[in-house]
């Protein structure tokens, strides 16, 4: 009997997948990027959104179909951070100093799958692509959270 798999569980199967340093690109990362934008020619293009799009595509879940991390602010339903569920939600973050709010979709950002909310100080642990040029876990301060989105 097949069981339903969550986006987070599927995403974790790609743990350790990384960019290839230098002029050669990792074909798996490039395929994720080209699923969204066929014009991309290397894995140096920011690919956090490509990774989330790829996992969503594999699960036939809603996806942004954009390489812009903040494009996920328009996908699924918003949920408060304290109600975020591992496996069901993605978190959209700001990137850079003086980053604009969530109304600016084309500004820099980051997107990954929610894992857990940590305390003292409050931080968010996520799992995603292009975190240190690879697929894996990362921790961000809650001040950088733009929104949490439930895909299903």
Protein backbone atom coordinates (compact mmCIF):
# COMPACT_ATOMS: atom_id res chain seq x y z
CA UNK A 1 0.00 0.00 0.00
CA UNK A 2 1.33 3.44 -0.92
CA UNK A 3 1.30 6.13 1.72
CA UNK A 4 1.07 9.85 1.15
CA UNK A 5 4.43 11.59 1.41
CA UNK A 6 4.87 15.15 2.67
CA UNK A 7 6.90 17.74 0.79
CA UNK A 8 9.45 17.81 3.64
CA UNK A 9 9.95 14.03 3.64
CA UNK A 10 10.45 14.02 -0.14
CA UNK A 11 12.76 17.06 0.02
CA UNK A 12 14.97 15.31 2.58
CA UNK A 13 15.71 12.57 0.04
CA UNK A 14 17.81 15.19 -1.78
CA UNK A 15 19.92 16.03 1.31
CA UNK A 16 23.49 16.86 0.34
CA UNK A 17 22.74 17.58 -3.33
CA UNK A 18 25.06 20.49 -4.13
CA UNK A 19 26.22 22.86 -6.82
CA UNK A 20 29.30 21.78 -8.72
CA UNK A 21 32.14 24.29 -8.21
CA UNK A 22 33.63 25.90 -11.29
CA UNK A 23 32.40 25.95 -14.87
CA UNK A 24 30.57 22.59 -14.71
CA UNK A 25 27.02 22.47 -13.34
CA UNK A 26 25.38 19.73 -11.31
CA UNK A 27 22.86 18.25 -13.80
CA UNK A 28 20.26 17.65 -11.07
CA UNK A 29 20.35 21.27 -9.87
CA UNK A 30 20.30 22.49 -13.48
CA UNK A 31 17.24 20.31 -14.20
CA UNK A 32 15.43 21.83 -11.22
CA UNK A 33 16.24 25.32 -12.47
CA UNK A 34 15.20 24.50 -16.04
CA UNK A 35 11.88 23.05 -14.88
CA UNK A 36 11.03 26.65 -14.00
CA UNK A 37 13.11 28.58 -16.57
CA UNK A 38 14.56 26.80 -19.60
CA UNK A 39 16.92 29.70 -20.30
CA UNK A 40 19.05 28.98 -17.19
CA UNK A 41 22.41 27.51 -18.21
CA UNK A 42 24.28 26.94 -14.94
CA UNK A 43 23.84 26.11 -11.26
CA UNK A 44 25.20 29.50 -10.20
CA UNK A 45 21.66 30.89 -10.53
CA UNK A 46 19.95 31.13 -7.11
CA UNK A 47 17.97 27.90 -6.85
CA UNK A 48 16.08 27.82 -3.53
CA UNK A 49 12.77 28.42 -5.31
CA UNK A 50 13.68 25.93 -8.05
CA UNK A 51 14.16 23.26 -5.37
CA UNK A 52 10.80 23.98 -3.70
CA UNK A 53 9.14 24.07 -7.14
CA UNK A 54 10.72 20.73 -8.05
CA UNK A 55 9.51 19.00 -4.88
CA UNK A 56 6.02 20.50 -5.35
CA UNK A 57 6.03 19.39 -9.00
CA UNK A 58 6.95 15.83 -8.02
CA UNK A 59 4.00 15.78 -5.61
CA UNK A 60 1.61 17.52 -8.01
CA UNK A 61 1.21 20.24 -5.36
CA UNK A 62 0.70 23.96 -5.98
CA UNK A 63 3.92 25.72 -7.03
CA UNK A 64 5.06 29.21 -7.91
CA UNK A 65 6.60 28.37 -11.31
CA UNK A 66 9.12 31.17 -10.65
CA UNK A 67 12.75 31.33 -9.58
CA UNK A 68 11.94 34.30 -7.34
CA UNK A 69 11.80 33.11 -3.71
CA UNK A 70 9.15 35.68 -2.87
CA UNK A 71 6.89 34.28 -5.61
CA UNK A 72 5.87 31.72 -2.96
CA UNK A 73 4.04 34.53 -1.15
CA UNK A 74 1.27 33.97 -3.74
CA UNK A 75 1.06 30.16 -3.40
CA UNK A 76 -1.15 28.24 -0.99
CA UNK A 77 -2.68 29.75 2.10
CA UNK A 78 -0.97 31.98 4.69
CA UNK A 79 -0.62 30.56 8.20
CA UNK A 80 0.79 32.18 11.34
CA UNK A 81 4.35 31.09 12.15
CA UNK A 82 3.25 29.60 15.49
CA UNK A 83 0.81 27.35 13.57
CA UNK A 84 3.34 26.20 10.94
CA UNK A 85 3.47 22.45 10.41
CA UNK A 86 6.56 20.48 9.38
CA UNK A 87 5.97 18.81 6.07
CA UNK A 88 3.06 21.00 5.06
CA UNK A 89 4.43 24.54 4.96
CA UNK A 90 7.07 26.67 3.28
CA UNK A 91 8.66 29.74 4.83
CA UNK A 92 9.55 32.83 2.81
CA UNK A 93 12.38 34.99 4.17
CA UNK A 94 13.84 38.40 3.44
CA UNK A 95 17.42 38.63 2.21
CA UNK A 96 19.83 41.51 2.61
CA UNK A 97 19.86 44.65 4.70
CA UNK A 98 16.83 46.96 4.60
CA UNK A 99 14.78 44.36 2.71
CA UNK A 100 11.28 45.48 1.69
CA UNK A 101 8.15 43.86 3.06
CA UNK A 102 6.07 41.08 1.52
CA UNK A 103 4.29 43.35 -0.96
CA UNK A 104 7.49 43.50 -3.06
CA UNK A 105 7.55 40.12 -4.82
CA UNK A 106 10.62 40.76 -6.98
CA UNK A 107 12.95 41.69 -4.11
CA UNK A 108 15.61 39.20 -2.97
CA UNK A 109 14.46 36.47 -0.65
CA UNK A 110 14.78 32.83 0.32
CA UNK A 111 12.27 29.97 0.53
CA UNK A 112 12.47 26.57 2.21
CA UNK A 113 10.34 23.92 3.91
CA UNK A 114 9.40 24.54 7.56
CA UNK A 115 10.94 22.12 10.08
CA UNK A 116 10.51 23.72 13.51
CA UNK A 117 10.31 26.91 15.53
CA UNK A 118 13.20 27.25 17.98
CA UNK A 119 13.16 29.41 21.11
CA UNK A 120 15.53 31.57 23.18
CA UNK A 121 16.15 33.29 20.83
CA UNK A 122 13.31 32.63 18.42
CA UNK A 123 14.55 31.15 15.18
CA UNK A 124 13.12 29.04 12.37
CA UNK A 125 14.74 25.81 11.25
CA UNK A 126 14.06 24.97 7.61
CA UNK A 127 15.13 22.46 4.97
CA UNK A 128 15.76 23.60 1.43
CA UNK A 129 17.96 24.08 -1.57
CA UNK A 130 20.76 26.58 -2.08
CA UNK A 131 21.49 26.76 1.63
CA UNK A 132 25.27 26.94 1.59
CA UNK A 133 25.10 25.90 -2.10
CA UNK A 134 23.50 22.58 -1.17
CA UNK A 135 20.27 20.94 -0.02
CA UNK A 136 20.10 20.78 3.76
CA UNK A 137 18.99 22.37 7.01
CA UNK A 138 19.44 26.04 7.95
CA UNK A 139 18.35 28.28 10.79
CA UNK A 140 17.10 31.87 10.36
CA UNK A 141 15.98 34.53 12.86
CA UNK A 142 12.20 34.97 12.97
CA UNK A 143 12.70 38.65 12.10
CA UNK A 144 13.49 37.54 8.54
CA UNK A 145 10.21 35.63 8.06
CA UNK A 146 7.95 37.30 5.53
CA UNK A 147 5.26 34.63 5.58
CA UNK A 148 4.49 30.96 6.05
CA UNK A 149 2.46 29.29 3.29
CA UNK A 150 0.55 26.01 3.45
CA UNK A 151 0.71 24.22 0.11
CA UNK A 152 -2.16 21.78 0.65
